[in-house]
Amino acid sequence: MKKKINYLILLLTAIFIVGCTNVEDASVTDKETVSQEVTTNNSDTEKTVTEESVSEKTSNQPKEELFKGYKLIEVDGGDLSGHREPNVVVDIGFGDRKNYSFTIEYGQVIRVIADEIVLQDDRTEPVTSSGRYYSDEAKVSGVERANLDEGHIIADSLGGVSNAYNITPQDSTLNRHGNQAYMEDAIRKAGGATNFEAIITYSNTETQIPSSYQYTYTLKGNVIVDTFDNVNPDEVNASLGLTGSEPSDSTSSNTSGDVSSVDTNGNGQVTIKEAKAAGFSMPIMSDHWLYPHMQDNDKDGMVGE
């Protein structure tokens, strides 16, 4: 009887020990499972954050990633040909500037980017007397129309070249006196801009004349977005009844001045440098009293833009 009791005690003890071991193993297994789930969740979170960071900071992408799908080619800044290669990216910054223009399969420029817009410096750069890097601009299809200018996406004064990858046919009034001119003037007055991007759209795949522009850039910490159609703003305002019945005489306040005080060498012709030295800001518009004394090579109504 005593032996039977001993066997029973041993059996119960064994069962108890096995039961404790199973509970401990189960506890460890559960703990490991939780740990793996947390790690997996952390990995997913990190991946999501990383992807968002990349999408929000495209300007910091490596060139091979930024230019993916495009062929990087070199084109002389003064190339007057209106031809563009499809699916290419071209540096359109004068000198050491890195401003990039992208084309699609139809040869249309659809995007221009620059980490920084560095203003033209006529003290250190070869600038002509009319305030340009080159005497003429590329003959992109469409610029032959009387109401369209050879419009820079990034102006000479903002460090842009004059080849077809930086020129689009743009409404003359828009380019000289409209939103395009206002935007360029704002960037000049701010001393430059950062995170510059131009998005250019077209009505169809056959034309090289844009239908609209969107410019996004940062001025002194403020993000600016300018969106406008490639149309004559005066005609649009007139159609909306926003103009008076009689146009005002915009030259009335700028019809007189002593040109001899600006024309320092007395040759009768005022250069950009002379005008700046006299305290005048660029560009000089066609309604300014100095304009007749200056050289407007491209006849766009502005000197020093």
Protein backbone atom coordinates (compact mmCIF):
# COMPACT_ATOMS: atom_id res chain seq x y z
CA MET A 1 0.00 0.00 0.00
CA LYS A 2 2.81 2.33 0.89
CA LYS A 3 4.49 1.61 -2.45
CA LYS A 4 1.27 2.44 -4.30
CA ILE A 5 1.05 5.77 -2.50
CA ASN A 6 4.68 6.58 -3.41
CA TYR A 7 4.03 5.75 -7.07
CA LEU A 8 0.94 7.95 -7.00
CA ILE A 9 2.91 10.87 -5.52
CA LEU A 10 5.65 10.46 -8.13
CA LEU A 11 3.07 10.36 -10.91
CA LEU A 12 1.32 13.50 -9.70
CA THR A 13 4.67 15.29 -9.32
CA ALA A 14 5.65 14.39 -12.90
CA ILE A 15 2.32 15.62 -14.23
CA PHE A 16 2.72 18.90 -12.32
CA ILE A 17 6.24 19.47 -13.65
CA VAL A 18 5.19 18.75 -17.24
CA GLY A 19 2.23 21.09 -16.89
CA CYS A 20 4.41 23.95 -15.63
CA THR A 21 6.86 23.41 -18.47
CA ASN A 22 4.09 23.61 -21.08
CA VAL A 23 2.74 26.81 -19.55
CA GLU A 24 6.22 28.38 -19.55
CA ASP A 25 6.84 27.30 -23.15
CA ALA A 26 3.50 28.73 -24.19
CA SER A 27 4.32 31.99 -22.43
CA VAL A 28 7.68 32.26 -24.22
CA THR A 29 6.08 31.44 -27.55
CA ASP A 30 3.44 34.11 -27.06
CA LYS A 31 6.07 36.64 -26.08
CA GLU A 32 8.12 35.91 -29.19
CA THR A 33 5.03 36.26 -31.37
CA VAL A 34 4.23 39.70 -29.93
CA SER A 35 7.83 40.78 -30.38
CA GLN A 36 7.76 39.78 -34.05
CA GLU A 37 4.50 41.65 -34.62
CA VAL A 38 5.92 44.83 -33.08
CA THR A 39 9.06 44.58 -35.20
CA THR A 40 7.00 44.09 -38.34
CA ASN A 41 4.82 47.07 -37.50
CA ASN A 42 7.88 49.22 -36.81
CA SER A 43 9.38 48.21 -40.17
CA ASP A 44 6.17 49.12 -42.01
CA THR A 45 6.04 52.48 -40.27
CA GLU A 46 9.63 53.30 -41.14
CA LYS A 47 9.05 52.31 -44.75
CA THR A 48 6.00 54.57 -45.02
CA VAL A 49 7.81 57.53 -43.48
CA THR A 50 10.76 57.04 -45.82
CA GLU A 51 8.55 56.89 -48.90
CA GLU A 52 6.72 60.05 -47.86
CA SER A 53 10.01 61.84 -47.24
CA VAL A 54 11.29 60.97 -50.70
CA SER A 55 8.09 62.11 -52.38
CA GLU A 56 8.12 65.38 -50.47
CA LYS A 57 11.77 66.14 -51.16
CA THR A 58 12.29 65.44 -54.85
CA SER A 59 14.88 68.20 -55.03
CA ASN A 60 17.19 66.04 -52.92
CA GLN A 61 16.88 63.02 -55.19
CA PRO A 62 20.06 61.71 -56.83
CA LYS A 63 20.34 62.68 -60.49
CA GLU A 64 19.93 59.11 -61.69
CA GLU A 65 16.59 58.95 -59.87
CA LEU A 66 15.47 62.47 -60.74
CA PHE A 67 16.32 61.97 -64.42
CA LYS A 68 14.91 58.45 -64.67
CA GLY A 69 13.20 58.04 -68.03
CA TYR A 70 15.07 61.00 -69.53
CA LYS A 71 18.36 61.27 -71.40
CA LEU A 72 20.68 64.01 -70.13
CA ILE A 73 22.08 65.97 -73.08
CA GLU A 74 24.06 69.19 -73.49
CA VAL A 75 22.77 72.06 -75.64
CA ASP A 76 24.56 75.37 -76.13
CA GLY A 77 22.80 78.18 -74.31
CA GLY A 78 22.76 80.36 -77.41
CA ASP A 79 21.51 77.70 -79.82
CA LEU A 80 18.80 79.47 -81.86
CA SER A 81 17.36 76.27 -83.31
CA GLY A 82 13.78 75.70 -82.27
CA HIS A 83 14.22 71.92 -82.31
CA ARG A 84 13.91 69.90 -79.12
CA GLU A 85 14.76 66.27 -78.56
CA PRO A 86 12.04 64.11 -76.97
CA ASN A 87 12.35 62.65 -73.48
CA VAL A 88 15.50 64.56 -72.56
CA VAL A 89 16.69 66.75 -69.73
CA VAL A 90 18.88 69.80 -70.40
CA ASP A 91 20.73 72.16 -68.07
CA ILE A 92 19.40 75.63 -68.97
CA GLY A 93 21.27 77.55 -66.28
CA PHE A 94 23.89 80.03 -67.43
CA GLY A 95 27.41 79.37 -66.16
CA ASP A 96 27.55 77.10 -63.12
CA ARG A 97 23.81 77.26 -62.42
CA LYS A 98 21.98 73.94 -62.41
CA ASN A 99 18.50 74.59 -63.82
CA TYR A 100 16.95 71.60 -65.58
CA SER A 101 14.36 71.44 -68.35
CA PHE A 102 12.43 68.24 -69.19
CA THR A 103 10.73 67.32 -72.46
CA ILE A 104 8.24 64.57 -73.27
CA GLU A 105 7.91 62.41 -76.37
CA TYR A 106 6.35 65.25 -78.37
CA GLY A 107 9.30 67.58 -77.77
CA GLN A 108 7.24 69.79 -75.47
CA VAL A 109 8.94 71.31 -72.42
CA ILE A 110 6.69 70.30 -69.54
CA ARG A 111 8.82 70.97 -66.45
CA VAL A 112 11.71 73.19 -65.35
CA ILE A 113 13.32 72.96 -61.91
CA ALA A 114 16.06 74.76 -60.01
CA ASP A 115 17.11 74.29 -56.41
CA GLU A 116 18.12 77.96 -56.45
CA ILE A 117 17.52 80.88 -58.79
CA VAL A 118 20.76 82.89 -58.88
CA LEU A 119 20.34 86.35 -60.37
CA GLN A 120 22.36 87.55 -63.31
CA ASP A 121 25.50 89.46 -62.30
CA ASP A 122 26.67 91.90 -64.96
CA ARG A 123 29.84 92.58 -62.95
CA THR A 124 31.20 89.07 -63.36
CA GLU A 125 29.23 87.63 -66.30
CA PRO A 126 29.42 88.47 -70.02
CA VAL A 127 26.20 90.47 -70.28
CA THR A 128 25.37 92.50 -73.39
CA SER A 129 24.48 96.19 -73.23
CA SER A 130 20.81 95.20 -73.50
CA GLY A 131 21.09 93.07 -70.35
CA ARG A 132 21.10 89.68 -72.03
CA TYR A 133 23.48 86.75 -72.27
CA TYR A 134 22.70 86.29 -75.97
CA SER A 135 21.54 88.67 -78.67
CA ASP A 136 18.57 86.51 -79.67
CA GLU A 137 16.38 83.59 -78.56
CA ALA A 138 15.59 80.17 -80.03
CA LYS A 139 13.00 80.09 -82.81
CA VAL A 140 10.56 77.61 -81.28
CA SER A 141 7.57 76.88 -83.52
CA GLY A 142 4.92 79.52 -82.83
CA VAL A 143 7.13 82.50 -82.03
CA GLU A 144 6.68 83.71 -85.61
CA ARG A 145 3.15 84.81 -84.67
CA ALA A 146 2.91 88.55 -84.14
CA ASN A 147 1.26 88.29 -80.72
CA LEU A 148 3.74 85.79 -79.27
CA ASP A 149 7.18 86.47 -77.78
CA GLU A 150 10.17 84.18 -77.45
CA GLY A 151 9.39 83.86 -73.76
CA HIS A 152 11.99 82.64 -71.28
CA ILE A 153 10.82 80.15 -68.67
CA ILE A 154 13.73 81.36 -66.54
CA ALA A 155 14.59 84.90 -67.65
CA ASP A 156 18.07 86.16 -68.53
CA SER A 157 17.97 88.31 -65.41
CA LEU A 158 17.29 85.16 -63.36
CA GLY A 159 20.17 83.22 -64.90
CA GLY A 160 18.46 81.44 -67.80
CA VAL A 161 19.88 80.72 -71.27
CA SER A 162 18.19 81.26 -74.64
CA ASN A 163 17.98 77.82 -76.28
CA ALA A 164 14.74 76.00 -77.12
CA TYR A 165 14.64 74.20 -73.78
CA ASN A 166 14.14 77.53 -71.98
CA ILE A 167 11.97 79.29 -74.58
CA THR A 168 8.24 78.92 -75.20
CA PRO A 169 5.97 81.01 -77.43
CA GLN A 170 4.28 83.30 -74.91
CA ASP A 171 1.67 86.01 -75.28
CA SER A 172 3.53 89.30 -75.68
CA THR A 173 1.49 91.25 -73.16
CA LEU A 174 1.68 88.44 -70.62
CA ASN A 175 5.45 88.27 -71.06
CA ARG A 176 6.12 92.00 -70.98
CA HIS A 177 3.51 93.40 -68.61
CA GLY A 178 1.50 90.49 -67.17
CA ASN A 179 1.96 87.78 -64.56
CA GLN A 180 5.17 86.47 -66.12
CA ALA A 181 6.80 89.89 -65.85
CA TYR A 182 5.46 90.42 -62.30
CA MET A 183 6.81 87.06 -61.16
CA GLU A 184 10.26 87.72 -62.57
CA ASP A 185 10.32 91.19 -60.99
CA ALA A 186 9.34 89.75 -57.59
CA ILE A 187 12.19 87.23 -57.73
CA ARG A 188 14.68 89.93 -58.75
CA LYS A 189 13.61 92.22 -55.93
CA ALA A 190 13.91 89.34 -53.44
CA GLY A 191 17.47 88.65 -54.58
CA GLY A 192 16.62 85.21 -55.97
CA ALA A 193 14.45 82.24 -55.08
CA THR A 194 14.71 78.60 -54.02
CA ASN A 195 12.80 75.39 -54.80
CA PHE A 196 11.77 76.73 -58.19
CA GLU A 197 9.51 74.62 -60.39
CA ALA A 198 7.62 75.46 -63.58
CA ILE A 199 4.91 73.13 -64.88
CA ILE A 200 3.89 73.86 -68.48
CA THR A 201 0.78 72.44 -70.12
CA TYR A 202 -0.43 72.29 -73.72
CA SER A 203 -3.84 71.99 -75.38
CA ASN A 204 -2.70 69.06 -77.56
CA THR A 205 0.37 67.05 -78.56
CA GLU A 206 0.90 68.85 -81.88
CA THR A 207 1.67 72.36 -80.65
CA GLN A 208 4.68 73.94 -78.98
CA ILE A 209 2.58 76.86 -77.72
CA PRO A 210 1.68 76.33 -74.04
CA SER A 211 -1.87 76.79 -72.85
CA SER A 212 -0.89 77.57 -69.25
CA TYR A 213 1.95 77.87 -66.75
CA GLN A 214 2.28 77.11 -63.06
CA TYR A 215 5.28 78.44 -61.15
CA THR A 216 6.06 77.36 -57.60
CA TYR A 217 8.99 78.91 -55.73
CA THR A 218 10.09 80.10 -52.31
CA LEU A 219 10.82 83.77 -51.57
CA LYS A 220 12.29 84.59 -48.18
CA GLY A 221 10.70 81.52 -46.63
CA ASN A 222 7.30 81.99 -48.26
CA VAL A 223 6.05 79.46 -50.81
CA ILE A 224 4.51 81.21 -53.83
CA VAL A 225 2.33 79.55 -56.47
CA ASP A 226 1.58 81.53 -59.66
CA THR A 227 -0.80 79.94 -62.16
CA PHE A 228 -1.90 81.71 -65.35
CA ASP A 229 -3.05 80.98 -68.88
CA ASN A 230 -1.01 81.87 -71.94
CA VAL A 231 -3.35 84.65 -73.03
CA ASN A 232 -3.42 88.43 -73.26
CA PRO A 233 -4.39 89.57 -69.72
CA ASP A 234 -5.65 92.93 -71.02
CA GLU A 235 -8.14 91.21 -73.31
CA VAL A 236 -9.28 88.95 -70.48
CA ASN A 237 -9.75 91.92 -68.14
CA ALA A 238 -11.68 93.79 -70.83
CA SER A 239 -13.99 90.82 -71.40
CA LEU A 240 -14.68 90.73 -67.66
CA GLY A 241 -15.40 94.46 -67.55
CA LEU A 242 -12.40 95.14 -65.35
CA THR A 243 -10.91 97.93 -67.48
CA GLY A 244 -12.07 101.49 -68.02
CA SER A 245 -13.54 102.70 -71.28
CA GLU A 246 -10.46 104.74 -72.04
CA PRO A 247 -6.93 103.42 -71.51
CA SER A 248 -4.84 105.51 -69.18
CA ASP A 249 -1.70 107.19 -70.42
CA SER A 250 0.94 105.10 -68.68
CA THR A 251 3.74 107.31 -70.01
CA SER A 252 2.46 110.49 -68.36
CA SER A 253 4.55 110.02 -65.23
CA ASN A 254 7.63 108.90 -67.08
CA THR A 255 7.95 111.32 -69.97
CA SER A 256 10.79 113.52 -68.83
CA GLY A 257 14.23 113.23 -67.37
CA ASP A 258 17.78 114.40 -67.82
CA VAL A 259 19.38 111.66 -69.91
CA SER A 260 22.80 113.29 -69.58
CA SER A 261 22.80 112.41 -65.89
CA VAL A 262 22.49 108.73 -66.84
CA ASP A 263 24.46 108.65 -70.10
CA THR A 264 27.85 109.01 -68.42
CA ASN A 265 29.96 108.69 -71.58
CA GLY A 266 27.79 111.14 -73.52
CA ASN A 267 27.26 108.91 -76.55
CA GLY A 268 23.49 109.29 -76.51
CA GLN A 269 22.91 105.61 -75.70
CA VAL A 270 22.14 104.44 -72.17
CA THR A 271 23.34 100.98 -71.22
CA ILE A 272 21.98 98.65 -68.56
CA LYS A 273 25.02 99.33 -66.40
CA GLU A 274 24.59 103.09 -66.70
CA ALA A 275 20.91 102.89 -65.82
CA LYS A 276 21.59 100.68 -62.79
CA ALA A 277 24.39 102.97 -61.65
CA ALA A 278 21.94 105.87 -61.80
CA GLY A 279 19.60 104.01 -59.47
CA PHE A 280 17.06 102.65 -61.97
CA SER A 281 15.75 99.10 -61.48
CA MET A 282 15.33 96.69 -64.34
CA PRO A 283 13.54 96.12 -66.59
CA ILE A 284 12.98 99.47 -68.25
CA MET A 285 9.56 99.28 -69.92
CA SER A 286 8.57 100.91 -73.20
CA ASP A 287 6.56 103.59 -71.35
CA HIS A 288 9.62 104.77 -69.39
CA TRP A 289 11.35 107.95 -70.50
CA LEU A 290 14.70 106.15 -70.60
CA TYR A 291 13.47 103.46 -73.00
CA PRO A 292 14.01 105.48 -76.26
CA HIS A 293 17.63 106.01 -75.22
CA MET A 294 18.28 102.28 -74.67
CA GLN A 295 18.71 99.33 -77.01
CA ASP A 296 15.91 96.74 -77.09
CA ASN A 297 17.41 94.13 -79.38
CA ASP A 298 14.46 91.73 -79.37
CA LYS A 299 11.86 94.52 -79.59
CA ASP A 300 9.79 93.10 -76.75
CA GLY A 301 9.17 96.43 -75.02
CA MET A 302 11.56 95.72 -72.16
CA VAL A 303 15.23 96.33 -71.60
CA GLY A 304 17.13 94.49 -68.90
CA GLU A 305 14.45 91.89 -68.12
